[in-house]
Amino acid sequence: VEPYLDEILERFDDIEPHLPWILDNIDVLAPYTGLLLKHVDELLLYAQVGDDEDIPTTGSQYDLAEQLLPYLEYYVKNLDIVGPHLPLLRPHVPQLLKYNRIGLISPHIEKLFAKGYRDLSASANMDVLLFWLGWTLTVPGLPALFFALPGSPRIVSFLANRLPKRFVRGYCNDVSCSVDNMDYGVSWNRLSKA
């Protein structure tokens, strides 16, 4: 933590409300301090559970962060690649936590990014993918087989953009995130050195 003290102090106003939770989990978070600071804005979206979210809670404002903590290592080592996806995935976290889908898919995400997956459409349409294909995560061996396919990134992008959204989003089926620019989120978290 010490090498990043200047950056921590610079972002202290954002971090300070969450300091008790951070200190409780310092053993898990400390090895990744540099990457976590670099992407602090995207990660703060995951710090608290909203009142209208369908996430099982124990009454703590950090219930969502607690549920995602076991998967921290999967994502934080690739945070530079995953970072732009985080704001787009945030609305879909309740569906990812349902039936432990995040636990089922996390071991395979690294393979997807290793194959050069950079398209943000799957993150923006995660609710659609989970509605139509979420059941496949429970079939033993099927996720591993799918993510081992050479064309799996293209298949994911194709399905994310082509599967019907009407049954998932109802009257909001034509609402989509603007992810045309591949530089989405690149300029975030540039720590200013005054």
N, C-alpha and C. Protein backbone atom coordinates (compact mmCIF):
# COMPACT_ATOMS: atom_id res chain seq x y z
N VAL A 1 0.83 -1.19 0.00
CA VAL A 1 0.00 0.00 0.00
C VAL A 1 0.87 1.25 0.00
N GLU A 2 2.03 1.20 0.65
CA GLU A 2 2.87 2.38 0.82
C GLU A 2 3.30 3.03 -0.50
N PRO A 3 3.67 2.27 -1.55
CA PRO A 3 4.07 2.94 -2.80
C PRO A 3 2.94 3.75 -3.44
N TYR A 4 1.71 3.47 -3.07
CA TYR A 4 0.55 4.14 -3.68
C TYR A 4 -0.07 5.18 -2.76
N LEU A 5 0.65 5.57 -1.74
CA LEU A 5 0.10 6.48 -0.74
C LEU A 5 -0.31 7.82 -1.34
N ASP A 6 0.46 8.36 -2.29
CA ASP A 6 0.10 9.63 -2.91
C ASP A 6 -1.22 9.53 -3.66
N GLU A 7 -1.40 8.43 -4.42
CA GLU A 7 -2.65 8.24 -5.16
C GLU A 7 -3.83 8.03 -4.22
N ILE A 8 -3.57 7.31 -3.12
CA ILE A 8 -4.64 7.09 -2.13
C ILE A 8 -5.07 8.41 -1.53
N LEU A 9 -4.12 9.26 -1.19
CA LEU A 9 -4.46 10.56 -0.61
C LEU A 9 -5.17 11.46 -1.61
N GLU A 10 -4.80 11.34 -2.89
CA GLU A 10 -5.45 12.14 -3.92
C GLU A 10 -6.92 11.74 -4.09
N ARG A 11 -7.22 10.46 -3.96
CA ARG A 11 -8.60 9.97 -4.12
C ARG A 11 -9.28 9.71 -2.78
N PHE A 12 -8.73 10.24 -1.69
CA PHE A 12 -9.22 9.92 -0.36
C PHE A 12 -10.68 10.31 -0.16
N ASP A 13 -11.12 11.41 -0.78
CA ASP A 13 -12.53 11.81 -0.63
C ASP A 13 -13.48 10.75 -1.17
N ASP A 14 -13.08 10.05 -2.24
CA ASP A 14 -13.91 9.00 -2.82
C ASP A 14 -13.81 7.71 -2.01
N ILE A 15 -12.62 7.45 -1.48
CA ILE A 15 -12.36 6.19 -0.78
C ILE A 15 -12.82 6.22 0.67
N GLU A 16 -12.74 7.38 1.31
CA GLU A 16 -12.98 7.50 2.75
C GLU A 16 -14.30 6.92 3.25
N PRO A 17 -15.43 7.12 2.55
CA PRO A 17 -16.68 6.52 3.06
C PRO A 17 -16.64 4.99 3.12
N HIS A 18 -15.76 4.39 2.36
CA HIS A 18 -15.69 2.93 2.27
C HIS A 18 -14.50 2.36 3.05
N LEU A 19 -13.80 3.21 3.78
CA LEU A 19 -12.59 2.81 4.49
C LEU A 19 -12.80 1.67 5.49
N PRO A 20 -13.88 1.66 6.27
CA PRO A 20 -14.06 0.51 7.20
C PRO A 20 -14.13 -0.83 6.47
N TRP A 21 -14.85 -0.89 5.36
CA TRP A 21 -14.95 -2.14 4.60
C TRP A 21 -13.60 -2.50 3.99
N ILE A 22 -12.89 -1.49 3.47
CA ILE A 22 -11.57 -1.73 2.88
C ILE A 22 -10.63 -2.29 3.93
N LEU A 23 -10.64 -1.71 5.14
CA LEU A 23 -9.75 -2.18 6.20
C LEU A 23 -10.11 -3.59 6.65
N ASP A 24 -11.40 -3.93 6.65
CA ASP A 24 -11.82 -5.29 7.00
C ASP A 24 -11.31 -6.32 5.99
N ASN A 25 -11.14 -5.90 4.73
CA ASN A 25 -10.73 -6.81 3.66
C ASN A 25 -9.35 -6.47 3.12
N ILE A 26 -8.53 -5.82 3.92
CA ILE A 26 -7.22 -5.36 3.46
C ILE A 26 -6.33 -6.50 2.98
N ASP A 27 -6.44 -7.67 3.59
CA ASP A 27 -5.61 -8.80 3.18
C ASP A 27 -5.88 -9.22 1.73
N VAL A 28 -7.12 -9.14 1.32
CA VAL A 28 -7.50 -9.52 -0.04
C VAL A 28 -7.18 -8.40 -1.02
N LEU A 29 -7.39 -7.15 -0.62
CA LEU A 29 -7.27 -6.01 -1.52
C LEU A 29 -5.84 -5.50 -1.68
N ALA A 30 -5.01 -5.60 -0.64
CA ALA A 30 -3.67 -4.98 -0.64
C ALA A 30 -2.79 -5.38 -1.82
N PRO A 31 -2.74 -6.66 -2.21
CA PRO A 31 -1.85 -7.00 -3.34
C PRO A 31 -2.22 -6.32 -4.66
N TYR A 32 -3.44 -5.83 -4.76
CA TYR A 32 -3.92 -5.24 -6.01
C TYR A 32 -4.14 -3.74 -5.90
N THR A 33 -3.52 -3.08 -4.95
CA THR A 33 -3.78 -1.67 -4.68
C THR A 33 -3.59 -0.80 -5.91
N GLY A 34 -2.52 -0.98 -6.65
CA GLY A 34 -2.25 -0.15 -7.83
C GLY A 34 -3.34 -0.25 -8.87
N LEU A 35 -3.72 -1.47 -9.22
CA LEU A 35 -4.78 -1.66 -10.23
C LEU A 35 -6.12 -1.17 -9.71
N LEU A 36 -6.41 -1.41 -8.45
CA LEU A 36 -7.68 -0.96 -7.89
C LEU A 36 -7.78 0.56 -7.89
N LEU A 37 -6.69 1.24 -7.60
CA LEU A 37 -6.69 2.71 -7.63
C LEU A 37 -6.86 3.23 -9.05
N LYS A 38 -6.24 2.56 -9.99
CA LYS A 38 -6.34 2.99 -11.39
C LYS A 38 -7.79 2.95 -11.89
N HIS A 39 -8.55 2.00 -11.39
CA HIS A 39 -9.93 1.82 -11.84
C HIS A 39 -10.94 2.10 -10.73
N VAL A 40 -10.62 2.99 -9.84
CA VAL A 40 -11.45 3.22 -8.65
C VAL A 40 -12.85 3.71 -9.02
N ASP A 41 -13.00 4.53 -10.05
CA ASP A 41 -14.33 5.04 -10.40
C ASP A 41 -15.27 3.92 -10.83
N GLU A 42 -14.77 3.01 -11.67
CA GLU A 42 -15.61 1.90 -12.10
C GLU A 42 -15.94 0.97 -10.94
N LEU A 43 -14.97 0.75 -10.06
CA LEU A 43 -15.16 -0.17 -8.94
C LEU A 43 -16.10 0.40 -7.88
N LEU A 44 -16.13 1.70 -7.72
CA LEU A 44 -17.03 2.30 -6.74
C LEU A 44 -18.50 2.09 -7.10
N LEU A 45 -18.78 1.82 -8.38
CA LEU A 45 -20.14 1.49 -8.78
C LEU A 45 -20.63 0.20 -8.11
N TYR A 46 -19.69 -0.66 -7.75
CA TYR A 46 -20.01 -1.95 -7.16
C TYR A 46 -19.96 -1.92 -5.63
N ALA A 47 -19.65 -0.76 -5.05
CA ALA A 47 -19.43 -0.68 -3.60
C ALA A 47 -20.72 -0.82 -2.80
N GLN A 48 -21.83 -0.37 -3.34
CA GLN A 48 -23.06 -0.38 -2.55
C GLN A 48 -24.21 -0.99 -3.33
N VAL A 49 -25.15 -1.55 -2.58
CA VAL A 49 -26.36 -2.11 -3.15
C VAL A 49 -27.45 -1.04 -3.12
N GLY A 50 -28.10 -0.82 -4.25
CA GLY A 50 -29.20 0.13 -4.30
C GLY A 50 -30.46 -0.45 -3.67
N ASP A 51 -31.35 0.41 -3.23
CA ASP A 51 -32.60 -0.04 -2.59
C ASP A 51 -33.49 -0.83 -3.54
N ASP A 52 -33.42 -0.50 -4.84
CA ASP A 52 -34.31 -1.13 -5.81
C ASP A 52 -33.71 -2.38 -6.46
N GLU A 53 -32.54 -2.82 -6.01
CA GLU A 53 -31.89 -3.97 -6.62
C GLU A 53 -32.34 -5.27 -5.96
N ASP A 54 -32.47 -6.30 -6.78
CA ASP A 54 -32.90 -7.61 -6.31
C ASP A 54 -31.68 -8.46 -5.98
N ILE A 55 -30.96 -8.04 -4.93
CA ILE A 55 -29.76 -8.74 -4.49
C ILE A 55 -29.98 -9.16 -3.05
N PRO A 56 -29.77 -10.44 -2.73
CA PRO A 56 -29.94 -10.87 -1.34
C PRO A 56 -28.98 -10.11 -0.43
N THR A 57 -29.51 -9.46 0.59
CA THR A 57 -28.67 -8.67 1.47
C THR A 57 -28.81 -9.13 2.91
N THR A 58 -27.80 -8.79 3.69
CA THR A 58 -27.83 -9.06 5.12
C THR A 58 -27.99 -7.76 5.89
N GLY A 59 -28.27 -6.69 5.18
CA GLY A 59 -28.46 -5.40 5.82
C GLY A 59 -27.26 -4.48 5.70
N SER A 60 -26.14 -4.98 5.22
CA SER A 60 -24.94 -4.17 5.05
C SER A 60 -24.99 -3.49 3.69
N GLN A 61 -24.46 -2.27 3.61
CA GLN A 61 -24.43 -1.58 2.32
C GLN A 61 -23.40 -2.19 1.38
N TYR A 62 -22.56 -3.07 1.89
CA TYR A 62 -21.52 -3.68 1.08
C TYR A 62 -21.81 -5.14 0.74
N ASP A 63 -23.06 -5.53 0.78
CA ASP A 63 -23.42 -6.91 0.46
C ASP A 63 -22.98 -7.30 -0.95
N LEU A 64 -23.14 -6.39 -1.90
CA LEU A 64 -22.75 -6.68 -3.27
C LEU A 64 -21.24 -6.89 -3.36
N ALA A 65 -20.48 -6.01 -2.75
CA ALA A 65 -19.02 -6.14 -2.77
C ALA A 65 -18.58 -7.43 -2.09
N GLU A 66 -19.26 -7.81 -1.01
CA GLU A 66 -18.92 -9.06 -0.31
C GLU A 66 -19.14 -10.27 -1.21
N GLN A 67 -20.22 -10.26 -1.99
CA GLN A 67 -20.51 -11.39 -2.86
C GLN A 67 -19.54 -11.47 -4.04
N LEU A 68 -19.00 -10.34 -4.45
CA LEU A 68 -18.07 -10.32 -5.57
C LEU A 68 -16.62 -10.54 -5.14
N LEU A 69 -16.33 -10.42 -3.86
CA LEU A 69 -14.97 -10.54 -3.35
C LEU A 69 -14.27 -11.86 -3.71
N PRO A 70 -14.96 -13.02 -3.67
CA PRO A 70 -14.27 -14.27 -4.03
C PRO A 70 -13.76 -14.30 -5.48
N TYR A 71 -14.31 -13.46 -6.34
CA TYR A 71 -13.92 -13.46 -7.75
C TYR A 71 -12.97 -12.32 -8.09
N LEU A 72 -12.49 -11.64 -7.07
CA LEU A 72 -11.62 -10.49 -7.26
C LEU A 72 -10.38 -10.85 -8.07
N GLU A 73 -9.74 -11.95 -7.74
CA GLU A 73 -8.49 -12.32 -8.41
C GLU A 73 -8.69 -12.59 -9.90
N TYR A 74 -9.83 -13.19 -10.27
CA TYR A 74 -10.10 -13.46 -11.68
C TYR A 74 -10.08 -12.17 -12.50
N TYR A 75 -10.66 -11.12 -11.94
CA TYR A 75 -10.87 -9.91 -12.71
C TYR A 75 -9.81 -8.85 -12.52
N VAL A 76 -9.23 -8.78 -11.33
CA VAL A 76 -8.32 -7.68 -11.06
C VAL A 76 -7.01 -7.82 -11.82
N LYS A 77 -6.56 -9.03 -12.10
CA LYS A 77 -5.31 -9.18 -12.85
C LYS A 77 -5.48 -8.77 -14.31
N ASN A 78 -6.72 -8.71 -14.78
CA ASN A 78 -7.01 -8.23 -16.14
C ASN A 78 -7.85 -6.96 -16.11
N LEU A 79 -7.69 -6.18 -15.07
CA LEU A 79 -8.56 -5.02 -14.87
C LEU A 79 -8.41 -3.97 -15.97
N ASP A 80 -7.24 -3.86 -16.57
CA ASP A 80 -7.09 -2.90 -17.66
C ASP A 80 -7.97 -3.27 -18.85
N ILE A 81 -8.16 -4.57 -19.07
CA ILE A 81 -9.01 -5.04 -20.17
C ILE A 81 -10.48 -5.03 -19.74
N VAL A 82 -10.75 -5.46 -18.52
CA VAL A 82 -12.11 -5.58 -18.02
C VAL A 82 -12.70 -4.23 -17.62
N GLY A 83 -11.86 -3.27 -17.27
CA GLY A 83 -12.30 -1.97 -16.76
C GLY A 83 -13.42 -1.30 -17.54
N PRO A 84 -13.31 -1.16 -18.87
CA PRO A 84 -14.39 -0.52 -19.62
C PRO A 84 -15.72 -1.28 -19.58
N HIS A 85 -15.67 -2.58 -19.27
CA HIS A 85 -16.89 -3.39 -19.19
C HIS A 85 -17.65 -3.16 -17.87
N LEU A 86 -16.96 -2.74 -16.83
CA LEU A 86 -17.55 -2.67 -15.49
C LEU A 86 -18.79 -1.76 -15.41
N PRO A 87 -18.76 -0.53 -15.94
CA PRO A 87 -20.00 0.27 -15.86
C PRO A 87 -21.16 -0.34 -16.62
N LEU A 88 -20.87 -1.03 -17.71
CA LEU A 88 -21.93 -1.66 -18.52
C LEU A 88 -22.50 -2.90 -17.84
N LEU A 89 -21.66 -3.59 -17.07
CA LEU A 89 -22.11 -4.80 -16.38
C LEU A 89 -22.88 -4.50 -15.10
N ARG A 90 -22.68 -3.34 -14.51
CA ARG A 90 -23.26 -3.03 -13.20
C ARG A 90 -24.76 -3.25 -13.11
N PRO A 91 -25.56 -2.83 -14.11
CA PRO A 91 -27.01 -3.07 -14.00
C PRO A 91 -27.38 -4.55 -14.04
N HIS A 92 -26.49 -5.39 -14.53
CA HIS A 92 -26.79 -6.81 -14.70
C HIS A 92 -26.24 -7.69 -13.58
N VAL A 93 -25.63 -7.09 -12.57
CA VAL A 93 -25.05 -7.86 -11.48
C VAL A 93 -26.08 -8.72 -10.74
N PRO A 94 -27.31 -8.23 -10.49
CA PRO A 94 -28.28 -9.13 -9.84
C PRO A 94 -28.52 -10.42 -10.61
N GLN A 95 -28.57 -10.34 -11.95
CA GLN A 95 -28.75 -11.56 -12.74
C GLN A 95 -27.50 -12.44 -12.69
N LEU A 96 -26.31 -11.82 -12.60
CA LEU A 96 -25.08 -12.60 -12.52
C LEU A 96 -24.96 -13.31 -11.18
N LEU A 97 -25.46 -12.70 -10.12
CA LEU A 97 -25.38 -13.32 -8.79
C LEU A 97 -26.44 -14.39 -8.60
N LYS A 98 -27.54 -14.27 -9.34
CA LYS A 98 -28.62 -15.25 -9.24
C LYS A 98 -28.11 -16.62 -9.68
N TYR A 99 -28.38 -17.63 -8.91
CA TYR A 99 -27.96 -19.01 -9.18
C TYR A 99 -26.43 -19.14 -9.27
N ASN A 100 -25.71 -18.20 -8.68
CA ASN A 100 -24.24 -18.19 -8.69
C ASN A 100 -23.68 -18.23 -10.11
N ARG A 101 -24.33 -17.55 -11.04
CA ARG A 101 -23.85 -17.53 -12.42
C ARG A 101 -22.45 -16.94 -12.52
N ILE A 102 -22.17 -15.94 -11.69
CA ILE A 102 -20.84 -15.33 -11.75
C ILE A 102 -19.77 -16.33 -11.35
N GLY A 103 -20.09 -17.20 -10.42
CA GLY A 103 -19.15 -18.24 -10.02
C GLY A 103 -18.94 -19.28 -11.11
N LEU A 104 -19.97 -19.53 -11.90
CA LEU A 104 -19.88 -20.52 -12.96
C LEU A 104 -19.12 -19.99 -14.18
N ILE A 105 -19.25 -18.68 -14.45
CA ILE A 105 -18.64 -18.13 -15.66
C ILE A 105 -17.24 -17.56 -15.41
N SER A 106 -16.94 -17.18 -14.16
CA SER A 106 -15.66 -16.52 -13.87
C SER A 106 -14.42 -17.31 -14.30
N PRO A 107 -14.37 -18.61 -14.09
CA PRO A 107 -13.16 -19.34 -14.52
C PRO A 107 -12.91 -19.30 -16.02
N HIS A 108 -13.94 -18.99 -16.81
CA HIS A 108 -13.81 -19.03 -18.26
C HIS A 108 -13.60 -17.65 -18.89
N ILE A 109 -13.83 -16.60 -18.13
CA ILE A 109 -13.70 -15.24 -18.66
C ILE A 109 -12.27 -14.95 -19.11
N GLU A 110 -11.31 -15.45 -18.36
CA GLU A 110 -9.91 -15.21 -18.71
C GLU A 110 -9.59 -15.78 -20.10
N LYS A 111 -10.17 -16.93 -20.43
CA LYS A 111 -9.95 -17.52 -21.75
C LYS A 111 -10.52 -16.62 -22.85
N LEU A 112 -11.67 -16.03 -22.57
CA LEU A 112 -12.32 -15.16 -23.55
C LEU A 112 -11.45 -13.93 -23.83
N PHE A 113 -10.94 -13.30 -22.78
CA PHE A 113 -10.10 -12.12 -22.97
C PHE A 113 -8.74 -12.49 -23.56
N ALA A 114 -8.24 -13.67 -23.27
CA ALA A 114 -6.96 -14.12 -23.83
C ALA A 114 -7.06 -14.28 -25.35
N LYS A 115 -8.26 -14.53 -25.85
CA LYS A 115 -8.45 -14.69 -27.29
C LYS A 115 -8.69 -13.35 -27.98
N GLY A 116 -8.53 -12.27 -27.25
CA GLY A 116 -8.64 -10.95 -27.86
C GLY A 116 -10.02 -10.34 -27.82
N TYR A 117 -10.88 -10.80 -26.95
CA TYR A 117 -12.23 -10.25 -26.89
C TYR A 117 -12.19 -8.83 -26.33
N ARG A 118 -12.63 -7.86 -27.11
CA ARG A 118 -12.64 -6.47 -26.67
C ARG A 118 -14.01 -5.81 -26.87
N ASP A 119 -14.93 -6.51 -27.50
CA ASP A 119 -16.25 -5.97 -27.81
C ASP A 119 -17.06 -5.75 -26.54
N LEU A 120 -17.67 -4.59 -26.40
CA LEU A 120 -18.42 -4.25 -25.20
C LEU A 120 -19.89 -4.64 -25.30
N SER A 121 -20.32 -5.16 -26.44
CA SER A 121 -21.74 -5.46 -26.62
C SER A 121 -22.24 -6.56 -25.68
N ALA A 122 -21.41 -7.53 -25.36
CA ALA A 122 -21.85 -8.59 -24.45
C ALA A 122 -22.09 -8.04 -23.05
N SER A 123 -21.25 -7.11 -22.61
CA SER A 123 -21.44 -6.51 -21.30
C SER A 123 -22.70 -5.66 -21.27
N ALA A 124 -22.94 -4.92 -22.34
CA ALA A 124 -24.12 -4.07 -22.40
C ALA A 124 -25.41 -4.89 -22.49
N ASN A 125 -25.33 -6.08 -23.04
CA ASN A 125 -26.51 -6.93 -23.23
C ASN A 125 -26.45 -8.20 -22.40
N MET A 126 -25.77 -8.15 -21.27
CA MET A 126 -25.62 -9.34 -20.43
C MET A 126 -26.97 -9.88 -19.97
N ASP A 127 -27.94 -8.99 -19.73
CA ASP A 127 -29.26 -9.47 -19.31
C ASP A 127 -29.89 -10.34 -20.38
N VAL A 128 -29.70 -9.99 -21.64
CA VAL A 128 -30.25 -10.76 -22.75
C VAL A 128 -29.54 -12.12 -22.86
N LEU A 129 -28.21 -12.10 -22.77
CA LEU A 129 -27.45 -13.36 -22.84
C LEU A 129 -27.84 -14.30 -21.71
N LEU A 130 -27.99 -13.77 -20.50
CA LEU A 130 -28.35 -14.62 -19.36
C LEU A 130 -29.78 -15.13 -19.46
N PHE A 131 -30.69 -14.32 -20.00
CA PHE A 131 -32.08 -14.75 -20.15
C PHE A 131 -32.16 -15.95 -21.09
N TRP A 132 -31.50 -15.85 -22.24
CA TRP A 132 -31.60 -16.90 -23.25
C TRP A 132 -30.64 -18.06 -23.01
N LEU A 133 -29.44 -17.77 -22.48
CA LEU A 133 -28.41 -18.81 -22.42
C LEU A 133 -27.90 -19.09 -21.01
N GLY A 134 -28.49 -18.48 -20.01
CA GLY A 134 -28.02 -18.68 -18.63
C GLY A 134 -28.09 -20.13 -18.20
N TRP A 135 -29.05 -20.87 -18.69
CA TRP A 135 -29.19 -22.28 -18.32
C TRP A 135 -27.99 -23.10 -18.76
N THR A 136 -27.29 -22.68 -19.81
CA THR A 136 -26.14 -23.45 -20.30
C THR A 136 -24.99 -23.46 -19.30
N LEU A 137 -24.96 -22.49 -18.40
CA LEU A 137 -23.89 -22.43 -17.40
C LEU A 137 -24.00 -23.57 -16.39
N THR A 138 -25.19 -24.16 -16.27
CA THR A 138 -25.39 -25.23 -15.30
C THR A 138 -25.11 -26.61 -15.88
N VAL A 139 -24.91 -26.70 -17.19
CA VAL A 139 -24.61 -27.98 -17.83
C VAL A 139 -23.12 -28.26 -17.64
N PRO A 140 -22.78 -29.35 -16.95
CA PRO A 140 -21.37 -29.63 -16.68
C PRO A 140 -20.53 -29.73 -17.95
N GLY A 141 -19.44 -28.99 -17.97
CA GLY A 141 -18.51 -29.04 -19.09
C GLY A 141 -18.85 -28.17 -20.28
N LEU A 142 -20.10 -27.76 -20.41
CA LEU A 142 -20.50 -26.97 -21.58
C LEU A 142 -19.82 -25.59 -21.62
N PRO A 143 -19.77 -24.84 -20.51
CA PRO A 143 -19.06 -23.55 -20.58
C PRO A 143 -17.58 -23.71 -20.95
N ALA A 144 -16.92 -24.70 -20.39
CA ALA A 144 -15.50 -24.93 -20.71
C ALA A 144 -15.33 -25.27 -22.19
N LEU A 145 -16.23 -26.08 -22.71
CA LEU A 145 -16.18 -26.45 -24.13
C LEU A 145 -16.41 -25.23 -25.01
N PHE A 146 -17.42 -24.43 -24.68
CA PHE A 146 -17.73 -23.25 -25.49
C PHE A 146 -16.57 -22.26 -25.52
N PHE A 147 -16.02 -21.94 -24.33
CA PHE A 147 -14.95 -20.95 -24.27
C PHE A 147 -13.64 -21.48 -24.82
N ALA A 148 -13.54 -22.78 -25.08
CA ALA A 148 -12.35 -23.35 -25.71
C ALA A 148 -12.41 -23.22 -27.23
N LEU A 149 -13.60 -22.95 -27.77
CA LEU A 149 -13.75 -22.80 -29.22
C LEU A 149 -12.96 -21.59 -29.71
N PRO A 150 -12.29 -21.71 -30.85
CA PRO A 150 -11.51 -20.58 -31.37
C PRO A 150 -12.38 -19.35 -31.68
N GLY A 151 -13.59 -19.53 -32.10
CA GLY A 151 -14.45 -18.40 -32.47
C GLY A 151 -15.39 -17.93 -31.39
N SER A 152 -15.15 -18.35 -30.16
CA SER A 152 -16.10 -18.00 -29.08
C SER A 152 -16.27 -16.49 -28.88
N PRO A 153 -15.24 -15.65 -29.00
CA PRO A 153 -15.50 -14.20 -28.86
C PRO A 153 -16.46 -13.66 -29.91
N ARG A 154 -16.32 -14.13 -31.15
CA ARG A 154 -17.23 -13.67 -32.22
C ARG A 154 -18.65 -14.18 -31.99
N ILE A 155 -18.77 -15.41 -31.50
CA ILE A 155 -20.09 -15.97 -31.22
C ILE A 155 -20.78 -15.18 -30.12
N VAL A 156 -20.04 -14.85 -29.06
CA VAL A 156 -20.61 -14.06 -27.96
C VAL A 156 -21.09 -12.71 -28.47
N SER A 157 -20.29 -12.03 -29.27
CA SER A 157 -20.68 -10.73 -29.83
C SER A 157 -21.90 -10.84 -30.72
N PHE A 158 -21.91 -11.86 -31.57
CA PHE A 158 -23.04 -12.08 -32.46
C PHE A 158 -24.34 -12.29 -31.66
N LEU A 159 -24.29 -13.18 -30.68
CA LEU A 159 -25.48 -13.47 -29.88
C LEU A 159 -25.93 -12.26 -29.07
N ALA A 160 -24.98 -11.51 -28.52
CA ALA A 160 -25.33 -10.33 -27.71
C ALA A 160 -26.07 -9.29 -28.53
N ASN A 161 -25.74 -9.20 -29.80
CA ASN A 161 -26.38 -8.21 -30.66
C ASN A 161 -27.62 -8.72 -31.39
N ARG A 162 -27.79 -10.04 -31.49
CA ARG A 162 -28.87 -10.58 -32.31
C ARG A 162 -30.01 -11.24 -31.56
N LEU A 163 -29.78 -11.70 -30.33
CA LEU A 163 -30.86 -12.35 -29.59
C LEU A 163 -31.99 -11.36 -29.30
N PRO A 164 -33.24 -11.81 -29.34
CA PRO A 164 -34.38 -10.91 -29.09
C PRO A 164 -34.34 -10.31 -27.68
N LYS A 165 -34.55 -9.01 -27.61
CA LYS A 165 -34.52 -8.31 -26.33
C LYS A 165 -35.91 -8.07 -25.76
N ARG A 166 -36.94 -8.25 -26.55
CA ARG A 166 -38.30 -7.92 -26.15
C ARG A 166 -38.76 -8.67 -24.90
N PHE A 167 -38.44 -9.95 -24.81
CA PHE A 167 -38.90 -10.75 -23.68
C PHE A 167 -38.15 -10.41 -22.40
N VAL A 168 -36.95 -9.87 -22.53
CA VAL A 168 -36.12 -9.55 -21.39
C VAL A 168 -36.42 -8.16 -20.86
N ARG A 169 -36.48 -7.20 -21.76
CA ARG A 169 -36.60 -5.79 -21.37
C ARG A 169 -38.00 -5.22 -21.52
N GLY A 170 -38.92 -6.00 -22.03
CA GLY A 170 -40.29 -5.53 -22.17
C GLY A 170 -40.39 -4.28 -23.02
N TYR A 171 -41.01 -3.23 -22.48
CA TYR A 171 -41.19 -1.99 -23.23
C TYR A 171 -39.88 -1.26 -23.50
N CYS A 172 -38.84 -1.62 -22.82
CA CYS A 172 -37.54 -0.97 -23.00
C CYS A 172 -36.63 -1.77 -23.93
N ASN A 173 -37.22 -2.59 -24.81
CA ASN A 173 -36.41 -3.47 -25.64
C ASN A 173 -35.55 -2.74 -26.65
N ASP A 174 -35.87 -1.50 -26.97
CA ASP A 174 -35.05 -0.77 -27.92
C ASP A 174 -34.00 0.11 -27.23
N VAL A 175 -33.91 0.03 -25.91
CA VAL A 175 -32.91 0.80 -25.17
C VAL A 175 -31.60 0.02 -25.19
N SER A 176 -30.54 0.70 -25.54
CA SER A 176 -29.23 0.04 -25.54
C SER A 176 -28.17 1.05 -25.14
N CYS A 177 -27.06 0.55 -24.67
CA CYS A 177 -25.93 1.39 -24.30
C CYS A 177 -25.16 1.73 -25.56
N SER A 178 -24.66 2.94 -25.63
CA SER A 178 -23.85 3.34 -26.77
C SER A 178 -22.42 2.87 -26.54
N VAL A 179 -22.01 1.84 -27.24
CA VAL A 179 -20.67 1.28 -27.09
C VAL A 179 -19.97 1.19 -28.44
N ASP A 180 -20.27 2.15 -29.31
CA ASP A 180 -19.68 2.11 -30.65
C ASP A 180 -18.19 2.38 -30.63
N ASN A 181 -17.75 3.23 -29.71
CA ASN A 181 -16.35 3.61 -29.66
C ASN A 181 -15.56 2.61 -28.83
N MET A 182 -14.52 2.05 -29.39
CA MET A 182 -13.72 1.05 -28.67
C MET A 182 -12.88 1.68 -27.56
N ASP A 183 -12.81 3.02 -27.52
CA ASP A 183 -12.07 3.71 -26.47
C ASP A 183 -12.96 4.05 -25.29
N TYR A 184 -14.12 3.41 -25.21
CA TYR A 184 -15.06 3.66 -24.12
C TYR A 184 -14.37 3.44 -22.78
N GLY A 185 -14.32 4.47 -21.97
CA GLY A 185 -13.78 4.35 -20.63
C GLY A 185 -12.27 4.43 -20.54
N VAL A 186 -11.56 4.61 -21.67
CA VAL A 186 -10.10 4.62 -21.63
C VAL A 186 -9.56 5.82 -20.87
N SER A 187 -10.21 6.98 -21.01
CA SER A 187 -9.68 8.18 -20.38
C SER A 187 -10.12 8.34 -18.93
N TRP A 188 -10.85 7.39 -18.38
CA TRP A 188 -11.28 7.47 -17.00
C TRP A 188 -10.09 7.26 -16.08
N ASN A 189 -10.21 7.77 -14.91
CA ASN A 189 -9.25 7.52 -13.84
C ASN A 189 -7.84 7.97 -14.14
N ARG A 190 -7.71 9.03 -14.90
CA ARG A 190 -6.39 9.61 -15.09
C ARG A 190 -6.12 10.47 -13.86
N LEU A 191 -5.27 9.98 -12.97
CA LEU A 191 -4.98 10.71 -11.76
C LEU A 191 -4.20 11.97 -12.11
N SER A 192 -4.71 13.12 -11.71
CA SER A 192 -4.05 14.37 -12.05
C SER A 192 -2.92 14.62 -11.08
N LYS A 193 -1.78 14.93 -11.62
CA LYS A 193 -0.60 15.25 -10.80
C LYS A 193 -0.45 16.76 -10.82
N ALA A 194 -0.90 17.39 -9.76
CA ALA A 194 -0.84 18.86 -9.71
C ALA A 194 0.49 19.33 -9.18
